Structure formats: structure tokens, C-alpha cells
Protein backbone atom coordinates (compact mmCIF):
# COMPACT_ATOMS: atom_id res chain seq x y z
CA MET A 1 73.16 95.57 94.51
CA SER A 2 73.27 93.46 97.71
CA TRP A 3 76.48 93.41 99.73
CA VAL A 4 76.95 89.72 98.95
CA LYS A 5 76.68 90.37 95.23
CA LEU A 6 78.85 93.46 95.61
CA LEU A 7 81.59 91.43 97.27
CA CYS A 8 81.39 88.72 94.64
CA SER A 9 81.55 91.28 91.85
CA ALA A 10 84.45 93.12 93.44
CA PHE A 11 86.52 90.00 93.96
CA ALA A 12 85.74 88.87 90.44
CA ILE A 13 87.17 92.13 89.16
CA LEU A 14 90.20 91.80 91.40
CA SER A 15 90.91 88.43 89.83
CA GLN A 16 90.68 89.98 86.38
CA ILE A 17 93.14 92.78 87.12
CA GLY A 18 95.76 90.28 88.22
CA GLY A 19 97.21 90.59 84.71
CA ILE A 20 98.47 93.71 83.00
CA ALA A 21 96.15 93.66 79.97
CA ALA A 22 94.05 96.79 80.28
CA ALA A 23 91.00 96.07 78.18
CA PRO A 24 89.39 93.29 80.24
CA ALA A 25 89.93 95.17 83.52
CA ASP A 26 88.60 98.39 82.06
CA GLY A 27 85.48 96.73 80.72
CA ALA A 28 84.92 94.80 83.92
CA LEU A 29 85.23 97.95 86.02
CA ASN A 30 82.71 99.71 83.83
CA SER A 31 80.24 96.86 84.35
CA LEU A 32 79.92 97.71 88.05
CA ASP A 33 77.50 100.24 89.47
CA ASP A 34 78.82 103.23 91.44
CA THR A 35 78.58 101.48 94.83
CA ALA A 36 80.48 98.41 93.70
CA ARG A 37 83.07 100.52 91.89
CA SER A 38 83.63 102.57 95.05
CA PHE A 39 83.98 99.41 97.14
CA LEU A 40 86.51 97.96 94.74
CA THR A 41 88.53 101.17 94.65
CA ARG A 42 88.78 101.37 98.43
CA ALA A 43 89.43 97.61 98.75
CA THR A 44 92.55 98.04 96.60
CA SER A 45 93.72 101.36 98.10
CA ALA A 46 94.81 100.48 101.64
CA THR A 47 98.19 101.80 102.77
CA PRO A 48 100.91 99.48 101.43
CA ALA A 49 103.09 97.55 103.84
CA ALA A 50 106.70 98.58 104.35
CA PRO A 51 109.24 98.84 102.92
CA HIS A 52 108.06 101.78 100.81
CA PHE A 53 109.73 102.52 97.49
CA VAL A 54 108.48 105.90 96.29
CA ILE A 55 109.11 107.67 92.98
CA TYR A 56 107.98 111.18 92.07
CA SER A 57 107.05 112.25 88.57
CA ASP A 58 106.93 115.93 87.61
CA LYS A 59 109.02 116.15 84.45
CA PHE A 60 107.44 116.33 81.00
CA VAL A 61 108.02 113.16 78.98
CA SER A 62 107.45 113.43 75.25
CA GLY A 63 104.63 111.24 73.98
CA GLU A 64 103.45 110.34 77.46
CA THR A 65 100.38 111.60 79.32
CA GLY A 66 100.14 110.65 82.99
CA PRO A 67 102.06 107.73 84.50
CA PRO A 68 104.45 105.69 82.32
CA PRO A 69 103.90 102.04 81.39
CA VAL A 70 104.05 100.09 84.60
CA SER A 71 107.08 98.09 83.47
CA GLN A 72 109.15 101.28 83.65
CA VAL A 73 108.51 101.66 87.40
CA GLN A 74 108.66 98.02 88.44
CA GLY A 75 110.20 97.70 91.90
CA TYR A 76 108.45 100.75 93.37
CA ASN A 77 105.18 100.56 95.27
CA VAL A 78 104.18 104.24 95.34
CA PHE A 79 104.08 106.58 92.33
CA ALA A 80 103.60 110.28 93.14
CA LEU A 81 102.10 112.55 90.49
CA SER A 82 103.50 116.04 91.01
CA PHE A 83 102.07 118.62 91.81
CA LEU A 84 98.68 119.67 93.11
CA LEU A 85 99.03 123.30 94.21
CA THR A 86 96.73 125.71 95.98
CA GLU A 87 96.00 127.10 92.48
CA GLY A 88 95.15 123.68 91.06
CA ALA A 89 96.85 120.76 89.32
CA PHE A 90 100.06 121.25 87.34
CA ASP A 91 102.54 119.08 85.43
CA LYS A 92 101.96 115.33 85.91
CA ALA A 93 99.06 115.90 88.28
CA GLU A 94 97.36 117.97 85.59
CA GLU A 95 98.09 115.32 82.96
CA TRP A 96 96.16 112.84 85.12
CA THR A 97 93.07 115.03 84.69
CA TRP A 98 93.44 114.96 80.90
CA LEU A 99 92.81 111.21 80.83
CA THR A 100 89.26 109.93 80.58
CA ASP A 101 87.65 108.07 83.46
CA SER A 102 88.14 104.87 81.47
CA GLN A 103 91.82 105.57 80.84
CA ARG A 104 92.46 106.37 84.50
CA ALA A 105 90.69 103.17 85.57
CA SER A 106 92.86 101.20 83.17
CA VAL A 107 96.09 102.74 84.48
CA LYS A 108 94.99 102.21 88.08
CA ALA A 109 94.22 98.55 87.36
CA GLN A 110 97.61 97.95 85.77
CA TYR A 111 99.47 99.66 88.60
CA ALA A 112 97.39 97.86 91.24
CA ALA A 113 98.24 94.53 89.64
CA ALA A 114 101.93 95.45 89.98
CA GLY A 115 101.44 96.47 93.63
CA ILE A 116 101.91 100.18 92.97
CA LYS A 117 99.73 102.90 94.51
CA ILE A 118 99.24 106.20 92.68
CA ILE A 119 99.13 109.32 94.83
CA VAL A 120 99.44 113.06 94.24
CA SER A 121 102.13 115.25 95.75
CA LEU A 122 101.00 118.58 97.15
CA PHE A 123 102.67 122.02 97.03
CA GLY A 124 106.34 121.44 96.14
CA SER A 125 108.96 124.16 95.93
CA THR A 126 106.81 126.70 94.07
CA ASP A 127 103.90 126.82 96.55
CA ALA A 128 104.06 128.54 99.94
CA PRO A 129 100.62 128.02 101.47
CA THR A 130 101.30 129.43 104.92
CA SER A 131 103.10 132.54 103.71
CA SER A 132 100.41 133.17 101.08
CA GLY A 133 97.65 133.02 103.69
CA SER A 134 95.86 129.90 102.47
CA ASP A 135 93.41 128.49 104.99
CA PRO A 136 94.63 125.02 106.05
CA VAL A 137 91.18 123.48 106.53
CA ALA A 138 89.71 124.81 103.30
CA THR A 139 92.87 123.84 101.39
CA ALA A 140 92.74 120.32 102.81
CA ASN A 141 89.07 119.97 101.86
CA THR A 142 89.72 121.15 98.30
CA MET A 143 92.72 118.89 97.79
CA ALA A 144 91.04 115.84 99.32
CA ALA A 145 88.05 116.38 97.03
CA TRP A 146 90.44 116.40 94.05
CA VAL A 147 91.96 113.10 95.19
CA LYS A 148 88.51 111.53 95.40
CA GLN A 149 87.32 113.02 92.12
CA PHE A 150 90.29 111.61 90.25
CA ASN A 151 90.38 108.28 92.11
CA LEU A 152 93.85 108.38 93.62
CA ASP A 153 95.24 106.40 96.55
CA GLY A 154 96.29 109.33 98.69
CA VAL A 155 98.56 112.35 99.05
CA ASP A 156 102.12 113.32 99.83
CA VAL A 157 102.54 116.68 101.57
CA ASP A 158 105.67 118.20 100.04
CA TYR A 159 105.56 121.38 102.11
CA GLU A 160 108.49 123.67 101.29
CA ASP A 161 107.40 127.00 102.75
CA PHE A 162 110.88 127.79 104.07
CA ASN A 163 110.07 131.38 104.98
CA ALA A 164 107.24 130.22 107.23
CA ILE A 165 109.39 127.61 109.00
CA ASN A 166 112.35 129.97 109.30
CA ALA A 167 110.15 132.65 110.87
CA GLY A 168 110.25 130.52 114.01
CA ASP A 169 106.88 131.73 115.28
CA GLY A 170 105.10 128.38 115.17
CA LYS A 171 102.63 129.42 112.47
CA ALA A 172 104.01 126.97 109.91
CA GLU A 173 103.83 124.07 112.33
CA ALA A 174 100.30 124.99 113.38
CA TRP A 175 99.28 125.30 109.72
CA LEU A 176 100.67 121.86 108.93
CA ALA A 177 98.93 120.32 111.94
CA SER A 178 95.53 121.77 111.01
CA PHE A 179 96.02 120.82 107.36
CA THR A 180 97.00 117.24 108.23
CA LYS A 181 94.12 116.78 110.67
CA GLN A 182 91.60 117.93 108.08
CA LEU A 183 93.12 115.76 105.38
CA ARG A 184 92.58 112.79 107.66
CA VAL A 185 88.95 113.77 108.18
CA GLN A 186 88.48 113.55 104.43
CA LEU A 187 91.00 110.78 103.66
CA PRO A 188 90.71 108.20 106.48
CA GLN A 189 93.77 106.38 107.75
CA GLY A 190 94.13 102.87 106.41
CA THR A 191 92.03 103.73 103.38
CA TYR A 192 94.16 106.51 101.91
CA ILE A 193 97.91 107.12 102.04
CA LEU A 194 99.03 110.34 103.72
CA THR A 195 102.76 111.01 103.77
CA HIS A 196 104.89 114.12 104.28
CA ALA A 197 108.18 114.98 102.55
CA PRO A 198 110.17 117.31 104.83
CA VAL A 199 113.77 118.28 104.26
CA ALA A 200 116.04 116.48 106.71
CA PRO A 201 117.23 119.64 108.58
CA TRP A 202 113.67 120.28 109.73
CA PHE A 203 114.22 117.41 112.16
CA SER A 204 117.22 119.15 113.78
CA PRO A 205 116.35 119.97 117.40
CA ASN A 206 116.60 123.55 118.64
CA LYS A 207 117.28 124.98 115.17
CA PHE A 208 113.82 126.39 114.47
CA GLY A 209 111.78 128.48 116.87
CA GLY A 210 108.54 126.67 116.11
CA GLY A 211 110.10 123.21 116.30
CA ALA A 212 109.75 122.46 112.57
CA TYR A 213 109.02 118.79 111.89
CA LEU A 214 109.79 117.54 115.37
CA LYS A 215 106.82 119.67 116.44
CA VAL A 216 104.71 118.50 113.50
CA HIS A 217 105.47 114.90 114.38
CA SER A 218 104.64 115.35 118.07
CA THR A 219 101.34 116.96 117.11
CA VAL A 220 100.06 114.90 114.16
CA GLY A 221 102.66 112.20 113.56
CA SER A 222 100.15 109.48 114.37
CA LEU A 223 98.10 110.62 111.35
CA ILE A 224 101.05 110.46 108.95
CA ASP A 225 101.90 107.09 107.41
CA TRP A 226 105.57 107.88 106.85
CA TYR A 227 108.01 110.68 105.96
CA ASN A 228 109.76 110.82 102.57
CA VAL A 229 112.75 112.66 104.02
CA GLN A 230 114.65 114.83 101.54
CA PHE A 231 118.31 114.13 102.28
CA TYR A 232 119.44 116.50 99.52
CA ASN A 233 119.62 120.20 98.53
CA GLN A 234 120.96 121.08 101.98
CA GLY A 235 124.66 121.74 101.27
CA THR A 236 127.41 120.32 99.09
CA SER A 237 128.70 117.88 101.71
CA GLU A 238 125.45 117.13 103.53
CA TYR A 239 124.24 113.50 103.60
CA THR A 240 126.68 112.41 100.86
CA THR A 241 128.31 109.53 102.76
CA CYS A 242 126.72 106.59 104.54
CA ALA A 243 127.90 107.99 107.87
CA GLY A 244 126.50 111.44 107.19
CA LEU A 245 123.25 110.02 105.92
CA LEU A 246 122.73 107.43 108.63
CA THR A 247 124.46 108.25 111.90
CA ALA A 248 126.30 111.58 112.09
CA SER A 249 125.05 114.64 110.25
CA SER A 250 127.19 117.77 110.15
CA SER A 251 127.21 120.58 112.68
CA THR A 252 125.32 122.73 110.17
CA TRP A 253 122.24 120.53 110.56
CA PRO A 254 122.89 118.63 113.79
CA GLN A 255 121.11 115.40 114.63
CA SER A 256 119.38 115.18 111.26
CA SER A 257 120.77 111.89 109.95
CA LEU A 258 118.46 108.88 109.83
CA PHE A 259 119.25 107.32 113.20
CA GLN A 260 119.65 110.70 114.91
CA ILE A 261 116.14 111.68 113.81
CA ALA A 262 114.89 108.40 115.27
CA ALA A 263 116.75 109.09 118.53
CA ASN A 264 114.80 112.34 118.78
CA GLY A 265 111.47 110.58 118.79
CA VAL A 266 110.48 109.77 115.22
CA PRO A 267 110.10 105.99 114.72
CA LEU A 268 112.49 104.41 112.23
CA SER A 269 109.45 102.76 110.68
CA LYS A 270 108.29 106.21 109.52
CA LEU A 271 111.58 107.35 107.95
CA VAL A 272 112.07 106.81 104.22
CA ILE A 273 115.45 107.83 102.79
CA GLY A 274 114.95 110.32 99.95
CA LYS A 275 117.61 110.95 97.29
CA PRO A 276 117.85 112.50 93.80
CA ALA A 277 118.10 110.15 90.83
CA THR A 278 121.11 111.94 89.33
CA SER A 279 123.36 114.86 90.19
CA GLY A 280 121.21 116.94 87.82
CA ASP A 281 118.04 116.29 89.80
CA ALA A 282 119.17 118.29 92.83
CA SER A 283 121.65 121.02 93.70
CA ASN A 284 123.55 118.59 95.93
CA GLY A 285 123.15 115.46 98.00
CA PHE A 286 123.44 112.93 95.16
CA ILE A 287 124.85 109.49 95.94
CA ALA A 288 125.60 106.88 93.27
CA THR A 289 123.19 103.94 93.34
CA SER A 290 125.91 101.47 94.27
CA THR A 291 126.89 103.57 97.29
CA LEU A 292 123.27 104.19 98.25
CA ALA A 293 122.61 100.45 98.11
CA THR A 294 125.44 99.98 100.62
CA CYS A 295 124.00 102.69 102.88
CA VAL A 296 120.56 101.08 102.74
CA GLN A 297 122.08 97.71 103.62
CA GLN A 298 123.94 99.25 106.58
CA ALA A 299 120.76 100.90 107.80
CA LYS A 300 118.81 97.66 107.57
CA ASN A 301 121.53 95.82 109.48
CA GLN A 302 121.29 98.45 112.24
CA GLY A 303 117.55 97.98 112.71
CA TRP A 304 115.96 100.11 109.99
CA SER A 305 114.10 97.40 108.15
CA GLU A 306 110.54 98.64 107.79
CA CYS A 307 110.68 101.85 105.79
CA GLY A 308 112.32 102.27 102.37
CA VAL A 309 113.69 104.66 99.76
CA MET A 310 112.27 107.63 97.85
CA VAL A 311 113.68 109.12 94.65
CA TRP A 312 113.24 112.40 92.80
CA GLU A 313 112.38 111.81 89.95
CA PHE A 314 111.13 109.80 86.95
CA PRO A 315 112.33 109.31 84.22
CA ASP A 316 115.88 109.91 85.49
CA ALA A 317 115.12 107.12 87.94
CA ALA A 318 113.10 104.17 86.74
CA ALA A 319 113.03 100.40 87.28
CA ALA A 320 116.80 99.91 86.95
CA TRP A 321 117.52 102.64 89.55
CA ILE A 322 115.45 101.07 92.31
CA GLN A 323 116.62 97.58 91.41
CA SER A 324 120.19 98.71 92.03
CA VAL A 325 119.36 100.56 95.27
CA ARG A 326 117.36 97.61 96.62
CA SER A 327 119.86 94.96 95.53
CA LEU A 328 121.73 94.44 98.80
CA ALA A 329 119.00 94.98 101.39
CA PHE A 330 115.67 94.40 99.64
CA PRO A 331 116.31 92.38 96.45
CA GLU A 332 113.26 91.50 94.43
């Protein structure tokens, strides 16, 4: 197929997936050859503009395989299937593999029409790749190949190898840097999303011998699109008020609130506020949506206007959750 015809075909398909009906988009996608299909996929997979509204999905939902109907996650623009581990895909990431190519293309078309990218989250709390001795380059190559095989828009690095970070010897930070660099070799910037999801205390200066995420950012931050910062599970009173979340973290985790992290060299435009959907979705750190909406509005008024909000997880958070959280600062 010539490039002129390829472009015409691709844009014709884009016009067809402007609606939610799956059948026409699915059939139209199948009418393209591999080159045109690849062009279309990449043309619709560029990194979304800020603000970013990210929702994770790991929990089993009866009668549902893969992502939910797009109407249930309206208001978000990134949907993270969780998790792809060093051992392979589990939970919602595994469910994505159970769908046929045609079914995945249909879901992708519906989500794309709603402005939502579908990515996979890596590792999570049950995987410790540095401590287990996984090679960062080989792991990145394997995971990037999985993303390409299953036609996703990118990855979120939810690295929670606490023992490796707490060791303070720099091995965790070096592992993350090598892993991120190799991911970018395989998943080019601007074509695929690449985010990280560190816990907020990992941005505290002088708390970790290897530098934790301040070191990661100084080394490979330019390769990372943004950080889905986990402002939860760090203590019963941590990040539970607007002040603690935005401007003045506790002495336990000093300088790890939103604006303090920015003051230590991480651009505000890379800092997404992450919170649990309900008190049952995390050990602590929950804030009611009405309060969180006020915090988000305060942050925007203080100059944080280009990032967004992340939530753990669907279905405890869905369209109504993000509508409430966005209502004061980013109403739809």
C-alpha cells in the first residue's frame, strides 16, 4: 500500500471510530493490511496532553473480562491494566490476553474515541525485581515486547521493591535507570506512554542512601512522561489534609508533599496526585472526594495546572469518582 493510500485509509478509520459502536470500527480495522494497521495504532497512541486522569484496574469484576464499558470510566484519559510481572501477566493484564485480536481492537477503538489510553502497569506490590535478581535490560525487552504484542499504549512502572530502596546502596536506583532507558529504546517517547508510580516518601531528600526517586529523576526523568505519586499507605496521618498533601508533609517523610517535591527539582508538570478510591483500597491516606476536589483546586490555583489525579482502583472508583474530584479545578 502506498503511503498516500495508507494515510487516506488510516484517517478514514479514525473517522469511523469517532463513535462508540464497535462493529464498524472492528470491521474497518480488519480491512487494513499490517502496515496500515500499525500506522493507525501509532497515530492514535501518542502521549496524551495534561492534565492526566489515571485509573488502575486490578480487581476481579464478575462477568467482565478486560476493561469495563467505556462509559464507566468517562472522565479519565489513562486506564492501567494491572499487573504485568516478571513472571508474566496476572489479573486484569492477563484478562487482556484472553480477548481475541478482534475484541482488543474493538475495545481500543471505543476507548480511543473517548480519549482514553490503555496501558499496563508493571510489578506492583508483589514483585521485587531488583531483590530477585532480574536483569533490567532483559526484563524491559520482555515487557516492551508484551506491550507491542497486545497493542497497548504504554506502561506504568509501579516499582515497589522496598527492600532494595531501603538497602541504600544505590542498586535499586541503578536498576530503575537501566530498566527505564531500555524501555525507551523499545517504546519511543511520544509514541508510547511511560510513567512511574513511586510512593511519595521516595522523594524525601537525604532519607535513602541511594537517593531513591530523586536520584531516578535526575538520571532518567527526561524519559519519564509523569509520576503517578502514591500519596497513601505511608502512615495514618500522612497526606490526609490539603496542607499535608500539598505544602507541608510530616517530619516522618520530610519534603514529600506535592510542592516540596517540586522544590527539590521535579517539575510540577510531572507530578500526578495519587489517592485510593475508598478507605478500603489502602491501609491509610484516603481523602473524601469532596475534600480531594478542594485540594486539587488549591494546587491548581498555586501553579499546578498541567498534571492531574490518579486513583487506585476500579471499580471502587469509576466515572462518578473522577467527576467529583475534577469538579472544582477541571470540570468536564
